[in-house]
Amino acid sequence: MVPSGSNDPYALRRQAYGIVRIVLENQMSFPLASLLSEVKALL
């Protein structure tokens, strides 16, 4: 269920943008690819 065009019923764009804002505005290191690998292994 990947957003396409203007279709984003689960507000995933807003949620990803929320993560970007939290990370950047708090100056938090956020190595996305590495974190994604660890999250996948957990889930």
Full PDB file with SEQRES, HELIX, SHEET, SSBOND, CRYST1, ORIGX, SCALE, CONECT and MASTER records, all heavy atoms in Angstrom:
SEQRES   1 A   43  MET VAL PRO SER GLY SER ASN ASP PRO TYR ALA LEU ARG          
SEQRES   2 A   43  ARG GLN ALA TYR GLY ILE VAL ARG ILE VAL LEU GLU ASN          
SEQRES   3 A   43  GLN MET SER PHE PRO LEU ALA SER LEU LEU SER GLU VAL          
SEQRES   4 A   43  LYS ALA LEU LEU                                              
HELIX    1 AA1 LEU A   12  GLU A   25  1                                  14    
HELIX    2 AA2 LEU A   32  LEU A   42  1                                  11    
CRYST1    1.000    1.000    1.000  90.00  90.00  90.00 P 1           1          
ORIGX1      1.000000  0.000000  0.000000        0.00000                         
ORIGX2      0.000000  1.000000  0.000000        0.00000                         
ORIGX3      0.000000  0.000000  1.000000        0.00000                         
SCALE1      1.000000  0.000000  0.000000        0.00000                         
SCALE2      0.000000  1.000000  0.000000        0.00000                         
SCALE3      0.000000  0.000000  1.000000        0.00000                         
ATOM      1  N   MET A   1       0.846  -1.207   0.000  1.00  0.00           N  
ATOM      2  CA  MET A   1       0.000   0.000   0.000  1.00  0.00           C  
ATOM      3  C   MET A   1       0.876   1.250   0.000  1.00  0.00           C  
ATOM      4  O   MET A   1       0.986   1.969   0.987  1.00  0.00           O  
ATOM      5  CB  MET A   1      -0.943  -0.035   1.198  1.00  0.00           C  
ATOM      6  CG  MET A   1      -1.995  -1.114   1.056  1.00  0.00           C  
ATOM      7  SD  MET A   1      -3.076  -1.264   2.482  1.00  0.00           S  
ATOM      8  CE  MET A   1      -2.064  -2.193   3.612  1.00  0.00           C  
ATOM      9  N   VAL A   2       1.528   1.470  -1.141  1.00  0.00           N  
ATOM     10  CA  VAL A   2       2.469   2.581  -1.305  1.00  0.00           C  
ATOM     11  C   VAL A   2       1.720   3.782  -1.886  1.00  0.00           C  
ATOM     12  O   VAL A   2       0.972   3.617  -2.851  1.00  0.00           O  
ATOM     13  CB  VAL A   2       3.621   2.170  -2.251  1.00  0.00           C  
ATOM     14  CG1 VAL A   2       4.608   3.306  -2.443  1.00  0.00           C  
ATOM     15  CG2 VAL A   2       4.323   0.918  -1.710  1.00  0.00           C  
ATOM     16  N   PRO A   3       1.893   4.978  -1.322  1.00  0.00           N  
ATOM     17  CA  PRO A   3       1.198   6.149  -1.882  1.00  0.00           C  
ATOM     18  C   PRO A   3       1.581   6.362  -3.344  1.00  0.00           C  
ATOM     19  O   PRO A   3       2.744   6.179  -3.720  1.00  0.00           O  
ATOM     20  CB  PRO A   3       1.716   7.311  -1.023  1.00  0.00           C  
ATOM     21  CG  PRO A   3       2.213   6.685   0.223  1.00  0.00           C  
ATOM     22  CD  PRO A   3       2.714   5.332  -0.166  1.00  0.00           C  
ATOM     23  N   SER A   4       0.588   6.733  -4.146  1.00  0.00           N  
ATOM     24  CA  SER A   4       0.885   7.016  -5.556  1.00  0.00           C  
ATOM     25  C   SER A   4       0.100   8.251  -5.985  1.00  0.00           C  
ATOM     26  O   SER A   4      -1.064   8.415  -5.613  1.00  0.00           O  
ATOM     27  CB  SER A   4       0.495   5.830  -6.434  1.00  0.00           C  
ATOM     28  OG  SER A   4      -0.893   5.562  -6.304  1.00  0.00           O  
ATOM     29  N   GLY A   5       0.759   9.120  -6.753  1.00  0.00           N  
ATOM     30  CA  GLY A   5       0.100  10.358  -7.168  1.00  0.00           C  
ATOM     31  C   GLY A   5      -0.392  11.132  -5.961  1.00  0.00           C  
ATOM     32  O   GLY A   5       0.331  11.306  -4.989  1.00  0.00           O  
ATOM     33  N   SER A   6      -1.651  11.535  -6.018  1.00  0.00           N  
ATOM     34  CA  SER A   6      -2.212  12.272  -4.867  1.00  0.00           C  
ATOM     35  C   SER A   6      -2.867  11.310  -3.880  1.00  0.00           C  
ATOM     36  O   SER A   6      -3.413  11.717  -2.864  1.00  0.00           O  
ATOM     37  CB  SER A   6      -3.243  13.297  -5.353  1.00  0.00           C  
ATOM     38  OG  SER A   6      -4.289  12.603  -6.022  1.00  0.00           O  
ATOM     39  N   ASN A   7      -2.799  10.029  -4.172  1.00  0.00           N  
ATOM     40  CA  ASN A   7      -3.465   9.023  -3.347  1.00  0.00           C  
ATOM     41  C   ASN A   7      -2.582   8.602  -2.175  1.00  0.00           C  
ATOM     42  O   ASN A   7      -1.548   7.972  -2.369  1.00  0.00           O  
ATOM     43  CB  ASN A   7      -3.804   7.806  -4.223  1.00  0.00           C  
ATOM     44  CG  ASN A   7      -4.647   6.793  -3.466  1.00  0.00           C  
ATOM     45  OD1 ASN A   7      -5.457   7.167  -2.629  1.00  0.00           O  
ATOM     46  ND2 ASN A   7      -4.452   5.521  -3.757  1.00  0.00           N  
ATOM     47  N   ASP A   8      -2.978   8.969  -0.971  1.00  0.00           N  
ATOM     48  CA  ASP A   8      -2.208   8.618   0.233  1.00  0.00           C  
ATOM     49  C   ASP A   8      -3.176   8.472   1.407  1.00  0.00           C  
ATOM     50  O   ASP A   8      -3.169   9.268   2.346  1.00  0.00           O  
ATOM     51  CB  ASP A   8      -1.165   9.714   0.511  1.00  0.00           C  
ATOM     52  CG  ASP A   8      -0.217   9.363   1.655  1.00  0.00           C  
ATOM     53  OD1 ASP A   8      -0.219   8.198   2.099  1.00  0.00           O  
ATOM     54  OD2 ASP A   8       0.506  10.264   2.116  1.00  0.00           O  
ATOM     55  N   PRO A   9      -4.041   7.438   1.346  1.00  0.00           N  
ATOM     56  CA  PRO A   9      -5.118   7.323   2.350  1.00  0.00           C  
ATOM     57  C   PRO A   9      -4.631   7.153   3.787  1.00  0.00           C  
ATOM     58  O   PRO A   9      -5.358   7.470   4.727  1.00  0.00           O  
ATOM     59  CB  PRO A   9      -5.905   6.088   1.893  1.00  0.00           C  
ATOM     60  CG  PRO A   9      -4.958   5.325   1.019  1.00  0.00           C  
ATOM     61  CD  PRO A   9      -4.074   6.346   0.371  1.00  0.00           C  
ATOM     62  N   TYR A  10      -3.415   6.658   3.972  1.00  0.00           N  
ATOM     63  CA  TYR A  10      -2.923   6.421   5.331  1.00  0.00           C  
ATOM     64  C   TYR A  10      -1.930   7.498   5.784  1.00  0.00           C  
ATOM     65  O   TYR A  10      -1.204   7.310   6.758  1.00  0.00           O  
ATOM     66  CB  TYR A  10      -2.323   5.015   5.435  1.00  0.00           C  
ATOM     67  CG  TYR A  10      -3.313   3.976   4.969  1.00  0.00           C  
ATOM     68  CD1 TYR A  10      -3.147   3.325   3.743  1.00  0.00           C  
ATOM     69  CD2 TYR A  10      -4.467   3.709   5.711  1.00  0.00           C  
ATOM     70  CE1 TYR A  10      -4.087   2.413   3.289  1.00  0.00           C  
ATOM     71  CE2 TYR A  10      -5.419   2.798   5.261  1.00  0.00           C  
ATOM     72  CZ  TYR A  10      -5.227   2.164   4.047  1.00  0.00           C  
ATOM     73  OH  TYR A  10      -6.178   1.269   3.596  1.00  0.00           O  
ATOM     74  N   ALA A  11      -1.902   8.599   5.054  1.00  0.00           N  
ATOM     75  CA  ALA A  11      -1.075   9.772   5.413  1.00  0.00           C  
ATOM     76  C   ALA A  11       0.393   9.396   5.640  1.00  0.00           C  
ATOM     77  O   ALA A  11       1.038   9.911   6.551  1.00  0.00           O  
ATOM     78  CB  ALA A  11      -1.648  10.466   6.648  1.00  0.00           C  
ATOM     79  N   LEU A  12       0.909   8.501   4.815  1.00  0.00           N  
ATOM     80  CA  LEU A  12       2.300   8.062   4.992  1.00  0.00           C  
ATOM     81  C   LEU A  12       3.292   9.169   4.645  1.00  0.00           C  
ATOM     82  O   LEU A  12       4.354   9.270   5.250  1.00  0.00           O  
ATOM     83  CB  LEU A  12       2.583   6.809   4.151  1.00  0.00           C  
ATOM     84  CG  LEU A  12       1.719   5.574   4.481  1.00  0.00           C  
ATOM     85  CD1 LEU A  12       2.149   4.385   3.630  1.00  0.00           C  
ATOM     86  CD2 LEU A  12       1.808   5.208   5.968  1.00  0.00           C  
ATOM     87  N   ARG A  13       2.930  10.003   3.678  1.00  0.00           N  
ATOM     88  CA  ARG A  13       3.824  11.126   3.349  1.00  0.00           C  
ATOM     89  C   ARG A  13       3.949  12.057   4.553  1.00  0.00           C  
ATOM     90  O   ARG A  13       5.042  12.517   4.879  1.00  0.00           O  
ATOM     91  CB  ARG A  13       3.287  11.909   2.139  1.00  0.00           C  
ATOM     92  CG  ARG A  13       3.433  11.172   0.809  1.00  0.00           C  
ATOM     93  CD  ARG A  13       3.146  12.092  -0.369  1.00  0.00           C  
ATOM     94  NE  ARG A  13       3.141  11.350  -1.626  1.00  0.00           N  
ATOM     95  CZ  ARG A  13       2.042  10.925  -2.241  1.00  0.00           C  
ATOM     96  NH1 ARG A  13       0.845  11.169  -1.719  1.00  0.00           N  
ATOM     97  NH2 ARG A  13       2.118  10.266  -3.378  1.00  0.00           N  
ATOM     98  N   ARG A  14       2.822  12.344   5.166  1.00  0.00           N  
ATOM     99  CA  ARG A  14       2.849  13.243   6.327  1.00  0.00           C  
ATOM    100  C   ARG A  14       3.674  12.624   7.458  1.00  0.00           C  
ATOM    101  O   ARG A  14       4.409  13.314   8.164  1.00  0.00           O  
ATOM    102  CB  ARG A  14       1.418  13.525   6.815  1.00  0.00           C  
ATOM    103  CG  ARG A  14       1.342  14.683   7.810  1.00  0.00           C  
ATOM    104  CD  ARG A  14      -0.011  14.776   8.469  1.00  0.00           C  
ATOM    105  NE  ARG A  14      -0.159  13.751   9.487  1.00  0.00           N  
ATOM    106  CZ  ARG A  14      -1.322  13.254   9.894  1.00  0.00           C  
ATOM    107  NH1 ARG A  14      -2.439  13.655   9.358  1.00  0.00           N  
ATOM    108  NH2 ARG A  14      -1.369  12.328  10.833  1.00  0.00           N  
ATOM    109  N   GLN A  15       3.561  11.298   7.624  1.00  0.00           N  
ATOM    110  CA  GLN A  15       4.304  10.642   8.698  1.00  0.00           C  
ATOM    111  C   GLN A  15       5.811  10.644   8.418  1.00  0.00           C  
ATOM    112  O   GLN A  15       6.614  10.885   9.321  1.00  0.00           O  
ATOM    113  CB  GLN A  15       3.776   9.219   8.898  1.00  0.00           C  
ATOM    114  CG  GLN A  15       2.316   9.237   9.380  1.00  0.00           C  
ATOM    115  CD  GLN A  15       1.835   7.877   9.838  1.00  0.00           C  
ATOM    116  OE1 GLN A  15       2.395   7.293  10.758  1.00  0.00           O  
ATOM    117  NE2 GLN A  15       0.790   7.361   9.216  1.00  0.00           N  
ATOM    118  N   ALA A  16       6.187  10.396   7.163  1.00  0.00           N  
ATOM    119  CA  ALA A  16       7.621  10.433   6.821  1.00  0.00           C  
ATOM    120  C   ALA A  16       8.156  11.856   6.974  1.00  0.00           C  
ATOM    121  O   ALA A  16       9.261  12.064   7.480  1.00  0.00           O  
ATOM    122  CB  ALA A  16       7.834   9.931   5.396  1.00  0.00           C  
ATOM    123  N   TYR A  17       7.363  12.831   6.548  1.00  0.00           N  
ATOM    124  CA  TYR A  17       7.786  14.235   6.675  1.00  0.00           C  
ATOM    125  C   TYR A  17       7.896  14.607   8.156  1.00  0.00           C  
ATOM    126  O   TYR A  17       8.792  15.360   8.550  1.00  0.00           O  
ATOM    127  CB  TYR A  17       6.786  15.148   5.966  1.00  0.00           C  
ATOM    128  CG  TYR A  17       7.274  16.572   5.798  1.00  0.00           C  
ATOM    129  CD1 TYR A  17       8.313  16.862   4.920  1.00  0.00           C  
ATOM    130  CD2 TYR A  17       6.709  17.626   6.506  1.00  0.00           C  
ATOM    131  CE1 TYR A  17       8.779  18.161   4.749  1.00  0.00           C  
ATOM    132  CE2 TYR A  17       7.155  18.929   6.348  1.00  0.00           C  
ATOM    133  CZ  TYR A  17       8.189  19.190   5.464  1.00  0.00           C  
ATOM    134  OH  TYR A  17       8.649  20.475   5.303  1.00  0.00           O  
ATOM    135  N   GLY A  18       7.018  14.028   8.975  1.00  0.00           N  
ATOM    136  CA  GLY A  18       7.087  14.253  10.426  1.00  0.00           C  
ATOM    137  C   GLY A  18       8.395  13.738  11.002  1.00  0.00           C  
ATOM    138  O   GLY A  18       9.047  14.410  11.803  1.00  0.00           O  
ATOM    139  N   ILE A  19       8.814  12.540  10.558  1.00  0.00           N  
ATOM    140  CA  ILE A  19      10.099  11.989  11.014  1.00  0.00           C  
ATOM    141  C   ILE A  19      11.236  12.908  10.581  1.00  0.00           C  
ATOM    142  O   ILE A  19      12.132  13.229  11.372  1.00  0.00           O  
ATOM    143  CB  ILE A  19      10.320  10.559  10.466  1.00  0.00           C  
ATOM    144  CG1 ILE A  19       9.322   9.580  11.108  1.00  0.00           C  
ATOM    145  CG2 ILE A  19      11.754  10.087  10.735  1.00  0.00           C  
ATOM    146  CD1 ILE A  19       9.366   8.166  10.545  1.00  0.00           C  
ATOM    147  N   VAL A  20      11.205  13.336   9.320  1.00  0.00           N  
ATOM    148  CA  VAL A  20      12.251  14.235   8.800  1.00  0.00           C  
ATOM    149  C   VAL A  20      12.341  15.492   9.655  1.00  0.00           C  
ATOM    150  O   VAL A  20      13.430  15.919  10.063  1.00  0.00           O  
ATOM    151  CB  VAL A  20      11.969  14.594   7.312  1.00  0.00           C  
ATOM    152  CG1 VAL A  20      12.791  15.798   6.859  1.00  0.00           C  
ATOM    153  CG2 VAL A  20      12.260  13.384   6.418  1.00  0.00           C  
ATOM    154  N   ARG A  21      11.195  16.082   9.976  1.00  0.00           N  
ATOM    155  CA  ARG A  21      11.204  17.317  10.777  1.00  0.00           C  
ATOM    156  C   ARG A  21      11.736  17.069  12.190  1.00  0.00           C  
ATOM    157  O   ARG A  21      12.537  17.846  12.712  1.00  0.00           O  
ATOM    158  CB  ARG A  21       9.789  17.909  10.856  1.00  0.00           C  
ATOM    159  CG  ARG A  21       9.398  18.695   9.604  1.00  0.00           C  
ATOM    160  CD  ARG A  21       8.199  19.575   9.872  1.00  0.00           C  
ATOM    161  NE  ARG A  21       8.439  20.468  10.989  1.00  0.00           N  
ATOM    162  CZ  ARG A  21       7.498  20.879  11.835  1.00  0.00           C  
ATOM    163  NH1 ARG A  21       6.255  20.472  11.723  1.00  0.00           N  
ATOM    164  NH2 ARG A  21       7.795  21.698  12.838  1.00  0.00           N  
ATOM    165  N   ILE A  22      11.279  15.993  12.819  1.00  0.00           N  
ATOM    166  CA  ILE A  22      11.723  15.690  14.198  1.00  0.00           C  
ATOM    167  C   ILE A  22      13.242  15.509  14.220  1.00  0.00           C  
ATOM    168  O   ILE A  22      13.939  16.054  15.077  1.00  0.00           O  
ATOM    169  CB  ILE A  22      11.019  14.418  14.735  1.00  0.00           C  
ATOM    170  CG1 ILE A  22       9.528  14.693  14.971  1.00  0.00           C  
ATOM    171  CG2 ILE A  22      11.665  13.955  16.049  1.00  0.00           C  
ATOM    172  CD1 ILE A  22       8.693  13.433  15.219  1.00  0.00           C  
ATOM    173  N   VAL A  23      13.749  14.749  13.247  1.00  0.00           N  
ATOM    174  CA  VAL A  23      15.184  14.447  13.178  1.00  0.00           C  
ATOM    175  C   VAL A  23      16.005  15.711  12.917  1.00  0.00           C  
ATOM    176  O   VAL A  23      16.967  16.007  13.628  1.00  0.00           O  
ATOM    177  CB  VAL A  23      15.441  13.392  12.075  1.00  0.00           C  
ATOM    178  CG1 VAL A  23      16.911  13.285  11.761  1.00  0.00           C  
ATOM    179  CG2 VAL A  23      14.888  12.037  12.496  1.00  0.00           C  
ATOM    180  N   LEU A  24      15.608  16.471  11.895  1.00  0.00           N  
ATOM    181  CA  LEU A  24      16.409  17.630  11.491  1.00  0.00           C  
ATOM    182  C   LEU A  24      16.315  18.766  12.505  1.00  0.00           C  
ATOM    183  O   LEU A  24      17.308  19.428  12.803  1.00  0.00           O  
ATOM    184  CB  LEU A  24      15.985  18.123  10.104  1.00  0.00           C  
ATOM    185  CG  LEU A  24      16.147  17.129   8.952  1.00  0.00           C  
ATOM    186  CD1 LEU A  24      15.834  17.796   7.624  1.00  0.00           C  
ATOM    187  CD2 LEU A  24      17.544  16.526   8.921  1.00  0.00           C  
ATOM    188  N   GLU A  25      15.128  18.987  13.035  1.00  0.00           N  
ATOM    189  CA  GLU A  25      14.960  20.129  13.948  1.00  0.00           C  
ATOM    190  C   GLU A  25      15.521  19.844  15.342  1.00  0.00           C  
ATOM    191  O   GLU A  25      15.746  20.760  16.122  1.00  0.00           O  
ATOM    192  CB  GLU A  25      13.489  20.568  13.970  1.00  0.00           C  
ATOM    193  CG  GLU A  25      13.115  21.234  12.641  1.00  0.00           C  
ATOM    194  CD  GLU A  25      11.621  21.445  12.429  1.00  0.00           C  
ATOM    195  OE1 GLU A  25      10.903  21.660  13.421  1.00  0.00           O  
ATOM    196  OE2 GLU A  25      11.178  21.402  11.256  1.00  0.00           O  
ATOM    197  N   ASN A  26      15.757  18.560  15.633  1.00  0.00           N  
ATOM    198  CA  ASN A  26      16.431  18.211  16.894  1.00  0.00           C  
ATOM    199  C   ASN A  26      17.911  17.895  16.659  1.00  0.00           C  
ATOM    200  O   ASN A  26      18.603  17.468  17.577  1.00  0.00           O  
ATOM    201  CB  ASN A  26      15.753  17.000  17.548  1.00  0.00           C  
ATOM    202  CG  ASN A  26      14.456  17.366  18.233  1.00  0.00           C  
ATOM    203  OD1 ASN A  26      14.444  18.240  19.098  1.00  0.00           O  
ATOM    204  ND2 ASN A  26      13.369  16.736  17.856  1.00  0.00           N  
ATOM    205  N   GLN A  27      18.356  18.050  15.391  1.00  0.00           N  
ATOM    206  CA  GLN A  27      19.748  17.755  15.014  1.00  0.00           C  
ATOM    207  C   GLN A  27      20.167  16.358  15.471  1.00  0.00           C  
ATOM    208  O   GLN A  27      21.230  16.148  16.051  1.00  0.00           O  
ATOM    209  CB  GLN A  27      20.697  18.824  15.589  1.00  0.00           C  
ATOM    210  CG  GLN A  27      20.385  20.212  15.047  1.00  0.00           C  
ATOM    211  CD  GLN A  27      21.284  21.293  15.608  1.00  0.00           C  
ATOM    212  OE1 GLN A  27      21.983  21.094  16.594  1.00  0.00           O  
ATOM    213  NE2 GLN A  27      21.276  22.457  14.992  1.00  0.00           N  
ATOM    214  N   MET A  28      19.272  15.390  15.199  1.00  0.00           N  
ATOM    215  CA  MET A  28      19.532  14.002  15.575  1.00  0.00           C  
ATOM    216  C   MET A  28      20.165  13.269  14.392  1.00  0.00           C  
ATOM    217  O   MET A  28      19.667  13.372  13.276  1.00  0.00           O  
ATOM    218  CB  MET A  28      18.212  13.281  15.914  1.00  0.00           C  
ATOM    219  CG  MET A  28      17.499  13.797  17.138  1.00  0.00           C  
ATOM    220  SD  MET A  28      15.751  13.277  17.166  1.00  0.00           S  
ATOM    221  CE  MET A  28      15.918  11.492  17.290  1.00  0.00           C  
ATOM    222  N   SER A  29      21.222  12.541  14.659  1.00  0.00           N  
ATOM    223  CA  SER A  29      21.786  11.671  13.625  1.00  0.00           C  
ATOM    224  C   SER A  29      20.720  10.625  13.280  1.00  0.00           C  
ATOM    225  O   SER A  29      20.081  10.071  14.170  1.00  0.00           O  
ATOM    226  CB  SER A  29      23.042  10.987  14.174  1.00  0.00           C  
ATOM    227  OG  SER A  29      23.461  10.000  13.286  1.00  0.00           O  
ATOM    228  N   PHE A  30      20.506  10.382  11.989  1.00  0.00           N  
ATOM    229  CA  PHE A  30      19.473   9.416  11.596  1.00  0.00           C  
ATOM    230  C   PHE A  30      19.939   8.649  10.357  1.00  0.00           C  
ATOM    231  O   PHE A  30      19.562   8.969   9.232  1.00  0.00           O  
ATOM    232  CB  PHE A  30      18.155  10.148  11.315  1.00  0.00           C  
ATOM    233  CG  PHE A  30      16.933   9.251  11.318  1.00  0.00           C  
ATOM    234  CD1 PHE A  30      16.403   8.783  12.507  1.00  0.00           C  
ATOM    235  CD2 PHE A  30      16.320   8.885  10.126  1.00  0.00           C  
ATOM    236  CE1 PHE A  30      15.285   7.957  12.517  1.00  0.00           C  
ATOM    237  CE2 PHE A  30      15.203   8.066  10.121  1.00  0.00           C  
ATOM    238  CZ  PHE A  30      14.677   7.605  11.322  1.00  0.00           C  
ATOM    239  N   PRO A  31      20.809   7.617  10.572  1.00  0.00           N  
ATOM    240  CA  PRO A  31      21.309   6.813   9.438  1.00  0.00           C  
ATOM    241  C   PRO A  31      20.197   5.872   8.951  1.00  0.00           C  
ATOM    242  O   PRO A  31      20.087   4.736   9.403  1.00  0.00           O  
ATOM    243  CB  PRO A  31      22.488   6.048  10.044  1.00  0.00           C  
ATOM    244  CG  PRO A  31      22.192   5.976  11.510  1.00  0.00           C  
ATOM    245  CD  PRO A  31      21.346   7.165  11.856  1.00  0.00           C  
ATOM    246  N   LEU A  32      19.405   6.359   8.027  1.00  0.00           N  
ATOM    247  CA  LEU A  32      18.149   5.696   7.658  1.00  0.00           C  
ATOM    248  C   LEU A  32      18.332   4.268   7.166  1.00  0.00           C  
ATOM    249  O   LEU A  32      17.638   3.355   7.621  1.00  0.00           O  
ATOM    250  CB  LEU A  32      17.414   6.543   6.607  1.00  0.00           C  
ATOM    251  CG  LEU A  32      16.067   5.996   6.126  1.00  0.00           C  
ATOM    252  CD1 LEU A  32      15.101   5.812   7.285  1.00  0.00           C  
ATOM    253  CD2 LEU A  32      15.459   6.924   5.087  1.00  0.00           C  
ATOM    254  N   ALA A  33      19.262   4.043   6.226  1.00  0.00           N  
ATOM    255  CA  ALA A  33      19.414   2.699   5.646  1.00  0.00           C  
ATOM    256  C   ALA A  33      19.790   1.675   6.718  1.00  0.00           C  
ATOM    257  O   ALA A  33      19.241   0.571   6.760  1.00  0.00           O  
ATOM    258  CB  ALA A  33      20.454   2.719   4.536  1.00  0.00           C  
ATOM    259  N   SER A  34      20.713   2.044   7.614  1.00  0.00           N  
ATOM    260  CA  SER A  34      21.135   1.122   8.681  1.00  0.00           C  
ATOM    261  C   SER A  34      19.981   0.850   9.651  1.00  0.00           C  
ATOM    262  O   SER A  34      19.748  -0.299  10.044  1.00  0.00           O  
ATOM    263  CB  SER A  34      22.309   1.708   9.467  1.00  0.00           C  
ATOM    264  OG  SER A  34      23.369   1.997   8.603  1.00  0.00           O  
ATOM    265  N   LEU A  35      19.265   1.916  10.022  1.00  0.00           N  
ATOM    266  CA  LEU A  35      18.128   1.743  10.939  1.00  0.00           C  
ATOM    267  C   LEU A  35      17.061   0.859  10.306  1.00  0.00           C  
ATOM    268  O   LEU A  35      16.475  -0.001  10.970  1.00  0.00           O  
ATOM    269  CB  LEU A  35      17.516   3.102  11.289  1.00  0.00           C  
ATOM    270  CG  LEU A  35      18.123   3.843  12.477  1.00  0.00           C  
ATOM    271  CD1 LEU A  35      17.533   5.238  12.602  1.00  0.00           C  
ATOM    272  CD2 LEU A  35      17.904   3.083  13.788  1.00  0.00           C  
ATOM    273  N   LEU A  36      16.836   1.055   9.017  1.00  0.00           N  
ATOM    274  CA  LEU A  36      15.828   0.275   8.306  1.00  0.00           C  
ATOM    275  C   LEU A  36      16.174  -1.213   8.343  1.00  0.00           C  
ATOM    276  O   LEU A  36      15.302  -2.059   8.573  1.00  0.00           O  
ATOM    277  CB  LEU A  36      15.752   0.774   6.860  1.00  0.00           C  
ATOM    278  CG  LEU A  36      14.509   0.419   6.049  1.00  0.00           C  
ATOM    279  CD1 LEU A  36      13.237   0.836   6.759  1.00  0.00           C  
ATOM    280  CD2 LEU A  36      14.576   1.071   4.671  1.00  0.00           C  
ATOM    281  N   SER A  37      17.453  -1.527   8.158  1.00  0.00           N  
ATOM    282  CA  SER A  37      17.890  -2.940   8.212  1.00  0.00           C  
ATOM    283  C   SER A  37      17.603  -3.542   9.583  1.00  0.00           C  
ATOM    284  O   SER A  37      17.128  -4.675   9.690  1.00  0.00           O  
ATOM    285  CB  SER A  37      19.385  -3.047   7.918  1.00  0.00           C  
ATOM    286  OG  SER A  37      19.645  -2.646   6.610  1.00  0.00           O  
ATOM    287  N   GLU A  38      17.902  -2.758  10.630  1.00  0.00           N  
ATOM    288  CA  GLU A  38      17.680  -3.271  11.994  1.00  0.00           C  
ATOM    289  C   GLU A  38      16.188  -3.408  12.301  1.00  0.00           C  
ATOM    290  O   GLU A  38      15.764  -4.376  12.937  1.00  0.00           O  
ATOM    291  CB  GLU A  38      18.350  -2.336  13.008  1.00  0.00           C  
ATOM    292  CG  GLU A  38      19.872  -2.352  12.906  1.00  0.00           C  
ATOM    293  CD  GLU A  38      20.534  -1.464  13.956  1.00  0.00           C  
ATOM    294  OE1 GLU A  38      20.704  -1.942  15.091  1.00  0.00           O  
ATOM    295  OE2 GLU A  38      20.854  -0.299  13.643  1.00  0.00           O  
ATOM    296  N   VAL A  39      15.398  -2.452  11.828  1.00  0.00           N  
ATOM    297  CA  VAL A  39      13.940  -2.512  12.046  1.00  0.00           C  
ATOM    298  C   VAL A  39      13.361  -3.737  11.337  1.00  0.00           C  
ATOM    299  O   VAL A  39      12.536  -4.469  11.901  1.00  0.00           O  
ATOM    300  CB  VAL A  39      13.261  -1.211  11.552  1.00  0.00           C  
ATOM    301  CG1 VAL A  39      11.745  -1.383  11.462  1.00  0.00           C  
ATOM    302  CG2 VAL A  39      13.600  -0.048  12.487  1.00  0.00           C  
ATOM    303  N   LYS A  40      13.820  -3.996  10.119  1.00  0.00           N  
ATOM    304  CA  LYS A  40      13.313  -5.156   9.365  1.00  0.00           C  
ATOM    305  C   LYS A  40      13.633  -6.465  10.097  1.00  0.00           C  
ATOM    306  O   LYS A  40      12.785  -7.352  10.192  1.00  0.00           O  
ATOM    307  CB  LYS A  40      13.938  -5.186   7.962  1.00  0.00           C  
ATOM    308  CG  LYS A  40      13.412  -4.099   7.041  1.00  0.00           C  
ATOM    309  CD  LYS A  40      13.837  -4.304   5.598  1.00  0.00           C  
ATOM    310  CE  LYS A  40      15.295  -4.663   5.474  1.00  0.00           C  
ATOM    311  NZ  LYS A  40      15.726  -4.788   4.067  1.00  0.00           N  
ATOM    312  N   ALA A  41      14.849  -6.554  10.618  1.00  0.00           N  
ATOM    313  CA  ALA A  41      15.244  -7.782  11.341  1.00  0.00           C  
ATOM    314  C   ALA A  41      14.358  -7.990  12.574  1.00  0.00           C  
ATOM    315  O   ALA A  41      13.995  -9.124  12.898  1.00  0.00           O  
ATOM    316  CB  ALA A  41      16.710  -7.686  11.739  1.00  0.00           C  
ATOM    317  N   LEU A  42      14.010  -6.887  13.236  1.00  0.00           N  
ATOM    318  CA  LEU A  42      13.157  -6.987  14.433  1.00  0.00           C  
ATOM    319  C   LEU A  42      11.718  -7.365  14.084  1.00  0.00           C  
ATOM    320  O   LEU A  42      11.076  -8.157  14.775  1.00  0.00           O  
ATOM    321  CB  LEU A  42      13.136  -5.635  15.179  1.00  0.00           C  
ATOM    322  CG  LEU A  42      14.377  -5.214  15.965  1.00  0.00           C  
ATOM    323  CD1 LEU A  42      14.204  -3.783  16.462  1.00  0.00           C  
ATOM    324  CD2 LEU A  42      14.600  -6.153  17.147  1.00  0.00           C  
ATOM    325  N   LEU A  43      11.196  -6.758  13.007  1.00  0.00           N  
ATOM    326  CA  LEU A  43       9.761  -6.885  12.720  1.00  0.00           C  
ATOM    327  C   LEU A  43       9.396  -8.075  11.842  1.00  0.00           C  
ATOM    328  O   LEU A  43       8.257  -8.539  11.893  1.00  0.00           O  
ATOM    329  CB  LEU A  43       9.224  -5.608  12.065  1.00  0.00           C  
ATOM    330  CG  LEU A  43       9.326  -4.301  12.854  1.00  0.00           C  
ATOM    331  CD1 LEU A  43       8.436  -3.238  12.216  1.00  0.00           C  
ATOM    332  CD2 LEU A  43       8.949  -4.464  14.322  1.00  0.00           C  
TER     333      LEU A  43                                                      
MASTER        0    0    0    2    0    0    0    6  332    1    0    4          
END                                                                             
